[in-house]
Amino acid sequence: MNDFANTAETPAFDTAAIARRARRKQATSIAGIATALLVVGAGTALAAGAVGSAPHTARPTAATTASAVNTTVLYGSRNGTTVTVPLAGVNSAGARAALVRLHLTPEFSRTPVAGCKQSTVVSVSPHAPTVVHAGDTIHVTVCAG
């Protein structure tokens, strides 16, 4: 027992493997968050269509006044994968939460756009196909009403 207690061997750690594992976990969590955002958005759209018995009447939304490309953020993770974050018609609080979760810095401005719901996203910059990374600033324009 004294031989064991008197040894000064240092433990060996595989730091490269630990770093790879951490990056893999981060990429998986980012992909999971993006998927959850998409699922919640799709579920909300389905629920909104299913509620009520009145016939559906078309009304303009931010998605129809702004192109889907101008409101989509393409996030690039450290391991080389990209995640698409569609923000068309999302309110400013939801857009802020989605961007902050990806460690992006949102900056908001308002602009009047005809036929859009107040405080919904009408454009982002930079937008797809430009890839953004953690720490980047995203300029988000929301409808002033």
N, C-alpha and C. Protein backbone atom coordinates (compact mmCIF):
# COMPACT_ATOMS: atom_id res chain seq x y z
N MET A 1 0.82 -1.18 0.00
CA MET A 1 0.00 0.00 0.00
C MET A 1 0.87 1.26 0.00
N ASN A 2 1.99 1.22 0.70
CA ASN A 2 2.89 2.37 0.71
C ASN A 2 3.47 2.62 -0.66
N ASP A 3 3.71 1.54 -1.43
CA ASP A 3 4.23 1.72 -2.78
C ASP A 3 3.23 2.50 -3.64
N PHE A 4 1.98 2.21 -3.48
CA PHE A 4 0.94 2.91 -4.23
C PHE A 4 0.85 4.37 -3.80
N ALA A 5 0.91 4.64 -2.53
CA ALA A 5 0.77 5.99 -2.01
C ALA A 5 1.98 6.85 -2.34
N ASN A 6 3.16 6.25 -2.50
CA ASN A 6 4.37 7.02 -2.74
C ASN A 6 4.68 7.23 -4.22
N THR A 7 3.89 6.69 -5.11
CA THR A 7 4.15 6.90 -6.53
C THR A 7 3.63 8.26 -6.95
N ALA A 8 4.31 8.87 -7.88
CA ALA A 8 3.92 10.21 -8.34
C ALA A 8 3.59 10.20 -9.82
N GLU A 9 3.00 9.12 -10.29
CA GLU A 9 2.63 9.06 -11.69
C GLU A 9 1.45 9.98 -11.96
N THR A 10 1.55 10.71 -13.05
CA THR A 10 0.45 11.61 -13.40
C THR A 10 -0.51 10.87 -14.32
N PRO A 11 -1.77 11.14 -14.19
CA PRO A 11 -2.74 10.47 -15.08
C PRO A 11 -2.61 11.01 -16.50
N ALA A 12 -2.88 10.17 -17.47
CA ALA A 12 -2.80 10.55 -18.88
C ALA A 12 -4.21 10.85 -19.38
N PHE A 13 -4.38 12.00 -20.00
CA PHE A 13 -5.66 12.40 -20.57
C PHE A 13 -5.50 12.59 -22.06
N ASP A 14 -6.49 12.14 -22.81
CA ASP A 14 -6.51 12.34 -24.25
C ASP A 14 -7.29 13.62 -24.52
N THR A 15 -6.60 14.77 -24.50
CA THR A 15 -7.28 16.07 -24.63
C THR A 15 -7.94 16.24 -25.99
N ALA A 16 -7.37 15.67 -27.03
CA ALA A 16 -7.98 15.79 -28.36
C ALA A 16 -9.34 15.09 -28.38
N ALA A 17 -9.42 13.92 -27.77
CA ALA A 17 -10.70 13.19 -27.73
C ALA A 17 -11.72 13.94 -26.89
N ILE A 18 -11.28 14.54 -25.81
CA ILE A 18 -12.19 15.31 -24.95
C ILE A 18 -12.73 16.51 -25.72
N ALA A 19 -11.88 17.20 -26.46
CA ALA A 19 -12.31 18.36 -27.25
C ALA A 19 -13.28 17.94 -28.35
N ARG A 20 -12.99 16.81 -29.02
CA ARG A 20 -13.90 16.32 -30.07
C ARG A 20 -15.27 15.99 -29.49
N ARG A 21 -15.29 15.35 -28.34
CA ARG A 21 -16.53 14.98 -27.69
C ARG A 21 -17.33 16.24 -27.34
N ALA A 22 -16.66 17.26 -26.84
CA ALA A 22 -17.35 18.51 -26.48
C ALA A 22 -17.93 19.19 -27.71
N ARG A 23 -17.16 19.21 -28.81
CA ARG A 23 -17.67 19.82 -30.05
C ARG A 23 -18.86 19.03 -30.59
N ARG A 24 -18.79 17.71 -30.50
CA ARG A 24 -19.88 16.87 -30.97
C ARG A 24 -21.14 17.13 -30.15
N LYS A 25 -20.99 17.25 -28.83
CA LYS A 25 -22.14 17.54 -27.97
C LYS A 25 -22.74 18.90 -28.30
N GLN A 26 -21.88 19.89 -28.54
CA GLN A 26 -22.36 21.23 -28.86
C GLN A 26 -23.12 21.22 -30.18
N ALA A 27 -22.58 20.56 -31.19
CA ALA A 27 -23.24 20.51 -32.50
C ALA A 27 -24.58 19.78 -32.39
N THR A 28 -24.61 18.71 -31.61
CA THR A 28 -25.85 17.96 -31.42
C THR A 28 -26.90 18.82 -30.72
N SER A 29 -26.48 19.58 -29.72
CA SER A 29 -27.45 20.43 -29.01
C SER A 29 -27.96 21.55 -29.91
N ILE A 30 -27.10 22.12 -30.73
CA ILE A 30 -27.54 23.17 -31.66
C ILE A 30 -28.54 22.60 -32.66
N ALA A 31 -28.24 21.43 -33.20
CA ALA A 31 -29.16 20.79 -34.15
C ALA A 31 -30.48 20.47 -33.46
N GLY A 32 -30.43 20.04 -32.21
CA GLY A 32 -31.65 19.74 -31.47
C GLY A 32 -32.49 20.97 -31.23
N ILE A 33 -31.84 22.08 -30.90
CA ILE A 33 -32.57 23.33 -30.67
C ILE A 33 -33.23 23.80 -31.95
N ALA A 34 -32.49 23.73 -33.05
CA ALA A 34 -33.05 24.16 -34.34
C ALA A 34 -34.23 23.27 -34.73
N THR A 35 -34.10 21.97 -34.52
CA THR A 35 -35.19 21.06 -34.83
C THR A 35 -36.41 21.35 -33.95
N ALA A 36 -36.17 21.61 -32.67
CA ALA A 36 -37.27 21.93 -31.77
C ALA A 36 -37.98 23.21 -32.21
N LEU A 37 -37.22 24.20 -32.64
CA LEU A 37 -37.83 25.44 -33.12
C LEU A 37 -38.70 25.18 -34.34
N LEU A 38 -38.20 24.34 -35.24
CA LEU A 38 -38.98 24.02 -36.44
C LEU A 38 -40.24 23.24 -36.09
N VAL A 39 -40.11 22.28 -35.18
CA VAL A 39 -41.27 21.47 -34.78
C VAL A 39 -42.30 22.34 -34.08
N VAL A 40 -41.86 23.21 -33.18
CA VAL A 40 -42.79 24.09 -32.48
C VAL A 40 -43.49 25.01 -33.48
N GLY A 41 -42.75 25.53 -34.43
CA GLY A 41 -43.36 26.40 -35.44
C GLY A 41 -44.37 25.65 -36.29
N ALA A 42 -44.04 24.42 -36.69
CA ALA A 42 -44.97 23.62 -37.50
C ALA A 42 -46.18 23.22 -36.68
N GLY A 43 -45.98 22.86 -35.41
CA GLY A 43 -47.09 22.49 -34.55
C GLY A 43 -48.02 23.67 -34.31
N THR A 44 -47.44 24.84 -34.14
CA THR A 44 -48.24 26.04 -33.94
C THR A 44 -49.07 26.34 -35.19
N ALA A 45 -48.46 26.18 -36.35
CA ALA A 45 -49.17 26.43 -37.60
C ALA A 45 -50.30 25.43 -37.78
N LEU A 46 -50.06 24.16 -37.47
CA LEU A 46 -51.11 23.15 -37.59
C LEU A 46 -52.23 23.42 -36.59
N ALA A 47 -51.88 23.78 -35.36
CA ALA A 47 -52.88 24.04 -34.34
C ALA A 47 -53.71 25.27 -34.71
N ALA A 48 -53.07 26.27 -35.26
CA ALA A 48 -53.79 27.48 -35.64
C ALA A 48 -54.78 27.18 -36.76
N GLY A 49 -54.41 26.27 -37.66
CA GLY A 49 -55.31 25.89 -38.75
C GLY A 49 -56.45 25.02 -38.27
N ALA A 50 -56.24 24.24 -37.21
CA ALA A 50 -57.26 23.31 -36.73
C ALA A 50 -58.25 23.98 -35.79
N VAL A 51 -57.88 25.08 -35.17
CA VAL A 51 -58.75 25.73 -34.19
C VAL A 51 -59.83 26.53 -34.92
N GLY A 52 -61.03 26.45 -34.41
CA GLY A 52 -62.14 27.25 -34.97
C GLY A 52 -62.82 26.54 -36.12
N SER A 53 -64.09 26.85 -36.31
CA SER A 53 -64.84 26.22 -37.38
C SER A 53 -65.11 27.18 -38.53
N ALA A 54 -64.65 28.42 -38.38
CA ALA A 54 -64.87 29.40 -39.43
C ALA A 54 -63.97 29.07 -40.61
N PRO A 55 -64.45 29.33 -41.83
CA PRO A 55 -63.60 29.06 -42.99
C PRO A 55 -62.37 29.95 -42.97
N HIS A 56 -61.30 29.43 -43.50
CA HIS A 56 -60.03 30.14 -43.51
C HIS A 56 -60.08 31.25 -44.55
N THR A 57 -59.74 32.44 -44.14
CA THR A 57 -59.65 33.55 -45.08
C THR A 57 -58.20 33.97 -45.17
N ALA A 58 -57.76 34.23 -46.36
CA ALA A 58 -56.37 34.61 -46.57
C ALA A 58 -56.15 36.02 -46.05
N ARG A 59 -55.05 36.20 -45.35
CA ARG A 59 -54.67 37.54 -44.91
C ARG A 59 -53.17 37.65 -45.07
N PRO A 60 -52.68 38.80 -45.40
CA PRO A 60 -51.24 38.95 -45.61
C PRO A 60 -50.48 38.81 -44.29
N THR A 61 -49.36 38.17 -44.35
CA THR A 61 -48.48 38.04 -43.20
C THR A 61 -47.09 38.47 -43.61
N ALA A 62 -46.19 38.50 -42.65
CA ALA A 62 -44.82 38.87 -42.96
C ALA A 62 -44.20 37.89 -43.92
N ALA A 63 -44.63 36.63 -43.88
CA ALA A 63 -44.07 35.62 -44.76
C ALA A 63 -44.42 35.93 -46.21
N THR A 64 -45.56 36.58 -46.47
CA THR A 64 -45.92 36.90 -47.83
C THR A 64 -45.34 38.23 -48.27
N THR A 65 -44.99 39.08 -47.33
CA THR A 65 -44.43 40.37 -47.71
C THR A 65 -42.91 40.34 -47.82
N ALA A 66 -42.27 39.34 -47.24
CA ALA A 66 -40.83 39.21 -47.31
C ALA A 66 -40.51 37.81 -47.83
N SER A 67 -39.47 37.71 -48.62
CA SER A 67 -39.13 36.40 -49.15
C SER A 67 -38.52 35.54 -48.05
N ALA A 68 -38.68 34.24 -48.19
CA ALA A 68 -38.19 33.30 -47.17
C ALA A 68 -36.67 33.36 -47.07
N VAL A 69 -35.99 33.66 -48.16
CA VAL A 69 -34.53 33.72 -48.12
C VAL A 69 -34.06 34.90 -47.29
N ASN A 70 -34.74 36.03 -47.37
CA ASN A 70 -34.34 37.24 -46.65
C ASN A 70 -34.59 37.14 -45.15
N THR A 71 -35.30 36.12 -44.70
CA THR A 71 -35.60 35.97 -43.28
C THR A 71 -35.04 34.67 -42.71
N THR A 72 -34.09 34.06 -43.40
CA THR A 72 -33.51 32.80 -42.96
C THR A 72 -32.05 33.01 -42.58
N VAL A 73 -31.69 32.56 -41.37
CA VAL A 73 -30.31 32.63 -40.92
C VAL A 73 -29.70 31.24 -41.12
N LEU A 74 -28.51 31.20 -41.69
CA LEU A 74 -27.79 29.94 -41.91
C LEU A 74 -26.63 29.92 -40.93
N TYR A 75 -26.77 29.11 -39.86
CA TYR A 75 -25.78 29.06 -38.77
C TYR A 75 -24.80 27.93 -39.03
N GLY A 76 -23.51 28.25 -39.00
CA GLY A 76 -22.47 27.24 -39.18
C GLY A 76 -21.83 26.89 -37.86
N SER A 77 -21.85 25.61 -37.51
CA SER A 77 -21.23 25.19 -36.25
C SER A 77 -19.75 24.92 -36.46
N ARG A 78 -19.04 24.69 -35.38
CA ARG A 78 -17.60 24.50 -35.46
C ARG A 78 -17.21 23.23 -36.18
N ASN A 79 -18.09 22.23 -36.18
CA ASN A 79 -17.73 20.97 -36.83
C ASN A 79 -18.08 20.96 -38.31
N GLY A 80 -18.53 22.07 -38.85
CA GLY A 80 -18.76 22.19 -40.28
C GLY A 80 -20.20 21.99 -40.72
N THR A 81 -21.09 21.61 -39.83
CA THR A 81 -22.49 21.46 -40.22
C THR A 81 -23.19 22.82 -40.16
N THR A 82 -24.24 22.95 -40.94
CA THR A 82 -25.01 24.19 -40.93
C THR A 82 -26.44 23.91 -40.51
N VAL A 83 -27.04 24.89 -39.84
CA VAL A 83 -28.41 24.79 -39.36
C VAL A 83 -29.18 25.97 -39.95
N THR A 84 -30.33 25.69 -40.54
CA THR A 84 -31.18 26.73 -41.10
C THR A 84 -32.18 27.17 -40.05
N VAL A 85 -32.26 28.48 -39.82
CA VAL A 85 -33.18 29.04 -38.83
C VAL A 85 -34.12 29.99 -39.55
N PRO A 86 -35.34 29.53 -39.92
CA PRO A 86 -36.29 30.41 -40.59
C PRO A 86 -36.98 31.33 -39.59
N LEU A 87 -36.96 32.63 -39.84
CA LEU A 87 -37.54 33.60 -38.91
C LEU A 87 -38.70 34.38 -39.51
N ALA A 88 -39.17 34.02 -40.70
CA ALA A 88 -40.26 34.75 -41.35
C ALA A 88 -41.52 34.71 -40.50
N GLY A 89 -42.05 35.86 -40.13
CA GLY A 89 -43.28 35.95 -39.38
C GLY A 89 -43.14 35.69 -37.89
N VAL A 90 -41.93 35.40 -37.39
CA VAL A 90 -41.71 35.15 -35.97
C VAL A 90 -41.69 36.50 -35.25
N ASN A 91 -42.27 36.56 -34.04
CA ASN A 91 -42.26 37.84 -33.32
C ASN A 91 -40.85 38.14 -32.82
N SER A 92 -40.62 39.38 -32.42
CA SER A 92 -39.27 39.81 -32.06
C SER A 92 -38.73 39.06 -30.85
N ALA A 93 -39.58 38.72 -29.89
CA ALA A 93 -39.12 37.97 -28.71
C ALA A 93 -38.67 36.57 -29.10
N GLY A 94 -39.42 35.92 -29.97
CA GLY A 94 -39.05 34.58 -30.43
C GLY A 94 -37.78 34.60 -31.24
N ALA A 95 -37.60 35.61 -32.08
CA ALA A 95 -36.39 35.73 -32.88
C ALA A 95 -35.18 35.96 -31.99
N ARG A 96 -35.34 36.83 -30.98
CA ARG A 96 -34.24 37.10 -30.05
C ARG A 96 -33.84 35.81 -29.32
N ALA A 97 -34.82 35.06 -28.85
CA ALA A 97 -34.53 33.82 -28.11
C ALA A 97 -33.81 32.81 -29.00
N ALA A 98 -34.26 32.67 -30.24
CA ALA A 98 -33.63 31.70 -31.15
C ALA A 98 -32.19 32.08 -31.46
N LEU A 99 -31.93 33.36 -31.67
CA LEU A 99 -30.58 33.81 -32.02
C LEU A 99 -29.65 33.75 -30.82
N VAL A 100 -30.15 34.11 -29.65
CA VAL A 100 -29.31 34.08 -28.45
C VAL A 100 -28.93 32.64 -28.11
N ARG A 101 -29.86 31.69 -28.32
CA ARG A 101 -29.53 30.28 -28.07
C ARG A 101 -28.37 29.80 -28.93
N LEU A 102 -28.21 30.39 -30.09
CA LEU A 102 -27.11 30.02 -30.99
C LEU A 102 -25.87 30.88 -30.76
N HIS A 103 -25.88 31.67 -29.69
CA HIS A 103 -24.77 32.56 -29.32
C HIS A 103 -24.52 33.61 -30.40
N LEU A 104 -25.60 34.10 -31.01
CA LEU A 104 -25.54 35.20 -31.97
C LEU A 104 -26.05 36.45 -31.27
N THR A 105 -25.62 37.62 -31.73
CA THR A 105 -26.02 38.88 -31.13
C THR A 105 -27.05 39.56 -32.04
N PRO A 106 -28.32 39.60 -31.63
CA PRO A 106 -29.33 40.25 -32.47
C PRO A 106 -29.38 41.76 -32.24
N GLU A 107 -29.52 42.50 -33.31
CA GLU A 107 -29.76 43.95 -33.26
C GLU A 107 -31.04 44.22 -34.02
N PHE A 108 -32.01 44.87 -33.37
CA PHE A 108 -33.33 45.05 -33.97
C PHE A 108 -33.53 46.48 -34.46
N SER A 109 -34.28 46.58 -35.56
CA SER A 109 -34.75 47.87 -36.06
C SER A 109 -36.17 47.67 -36.57
N ARG A 110 -36.92 48.76 -36.64
CA ARG A 110 -38.32 48.70 -37.09
C ARG A 110 -38.45 49.41 -38.43
N THR A 111 -39.33 48.87 -39.27
CA THR A 111 -39.63 49.52 -40.53
C THR A 111 -41.10 49.29 -40.85
N PRO A 112 -41.78 50.28 -41.42
CA PRO A 112 -43.18 50.07 -41.79
C PRO A 112 -43.27 49.21 -43.06
N VAL A 113 -44.05 48.15 -42.99
CA VAL A 113 -44.28 47.27 -44.14
C VAL A 113 -45.78 47.05 -44.22
N ALA A 114 -46.34 47.22 -45.40
CA ALA A 114 -47.78 47.06 -45.58
C ALA A 114 -48.17 45.60 -45.44
N GLY A 115 -49.24 45.36 -44.69
CA GLY A 115 -49.81 44.02 -44.59
C GLY A 115 -49.09 43.05 -43.69
N CYS A 116 -48.28 43.51 -42.78
CA CYS A 116 -47.61 42.59 -41.87
C CYS A 116 -48.08 42.81 -40.45
N LYS A 117 -47.90 41.80 -39.62
CA LYS A 117 -48.27 41.88 -38.22
C LYS A 117 -47.18 42.62 -37.46
N GLN A 118 -47.55 43.49 -36.55
CA GLN A 118 -46.59 44.31 -35.81
C GLN A 118 -45.61 43.43 -35.03
N SER A 119 -44.34 43.83 -35.04
CA SER A 119 -43.23 43.19 -34.33
C SER A 119 -42.87 41.80 -34.85
N THR A 120 -43.22 41.49 -36.10
CA THR A 120 -42.79 40.23 -36.70
C THR A 120 -41.60 40.49 -37.61
N VAL A 121 -40.76 39.50 -37.77
CA VAL A 121 -39.54 39.63 -38.57
C VAL A 121 -39.90 39.74 -40.05
N VAL A 122 -39.34 40.76 -40.71
CA VAL A 122 -39.53 40.91 -42.15
C VAL A 122 -38.24 40.72 -42.92
N SER A 123 -37.07 40.87 -42.25
CA SER A 123 -35.79 40.58 -42.91
C SER A 123 -34.69 40.45 -41.86
N VAL A 124 -33.64 39.73 -42.25
CA VAL A 124 -32.44 39.60 -41.42
C VAL A 124 -31.23 39.84 -42.30
N SER A 125 -30.16 40.29 -41.68
CA SER A 125 -28.92 40.51 -42.41
C SER A 125 -27.75 40.17 -41.49
N PRO A 126 -26.83 39.33 -41.89
CA PRO A 126 -26.78 38.60 -43.15
C PRO A 126 -27.78 37.45 -43.15
N HIS A 127 -28.27 37.12 -44.33
CA HIS A 127 -29.24 36.03 -44.47
C HIS A 127 -28.64 34.96 -45.38
N ALA A 128 -29.35 33.82 -45.46
CA ALA A 128 -28.89 32.71 -46.30
C ALA A 128 -28.70 33.23 -47.72
N PRO A 129 -27.69 32.81 -48.40
CA PRO A 129 -26.77 31.70 -48.19
C PRO A 129 -25.51 32.07 -47.40
N THR A 130 -25.44 33.27 -46.84
CA THR A 130 -24.28 33.63 -46.03
C THR A 130 -24.33 32.87 -44.71
N VAL A 131 -23.24 32.22 -44.34
CA VAL A 131 -23.17 31.44 -43.11
C VAL A 131 -22.65 32.32 -41.99
N VAL A 132 -23.32 32.29 -40.84
CA VAL A 132 -22.89 33.03 -39.66
C VAL A 132 -22.42 32.05 -38.59
N HIS A 133 -21.61 32.54 -37.68
CA HIS A 133 -21.04 31.70 -36.63
C HIS A 133 -21.28 32.35 -35.27
N ALA A 134 -21.07 31.58 -34.20
CA ALA A 134 -21.26 32.08 -32.84
C ALA A 134 -20.48 33.37 -32.65
N GLY A 135 -21.12 34.36 -32.02
CA GLY A 135 -20.50 35.64 -31.77
C GLY A 135 -20.82 36.69 -32.83
N ASP A 136 -21.34 36.28 -33.98
CA ASP A 136 -21.68 37.24 -35.04
C ASP A 136 -22.90 38.05 -34.66
N THR A 137 -23.03 39.22 -35.24
CA THR A 137 -24.18 40.10 -35.03
C THR A 137 -25.15 39.93 -36.19
N ILE A 138 -26.42 39.75 -35.87
CA ILE A 138 -27.47 39.61 -36.87
C ILE A 138 -28.38 40.84 -36.76
N HIS A 139 -28.57 41.55 -37.87
CA HIS A 139 -29.46 42.70 -37.91
C HIS A 139 -30.85 42.21 -38.29
N VAL A 140 -31.80 42.39 -37.41
CA VAL A 140 -33.16 41.90 -37.60
C VAL A 140 -34.08 43.10 -37.79
N THR A 141 -34.82 43.11 -38.87
CA THR A 141 -35.80 44.16 -39.12
C THR A 141 -37.19 43.61 -38.86
N VAL A 142 -37.94 44.30 -37.98
CA VAL A 142 -39.30 43.86 -37.65
C VAL A 142 -40.28 44.90 -38.16
N CYS A 143 -41.51 44.45 -38.36
CA CYS A 143 -42.56 45.30 -38.88
C CYS A 143 -43.01 46.30 -37.83
N ALA A 144 -43.11 47.56 -38.23
CA ALA A 144 -43.54 48.61 -37.30
C ALA A 144 -45.06 48.69 -37.24
N GLY A 145 -45.73 47.99 -38.13
CA GLY A 145 -47.21 47.98 -38.07
C GLY A 145 -47.85 48.56 -39.28
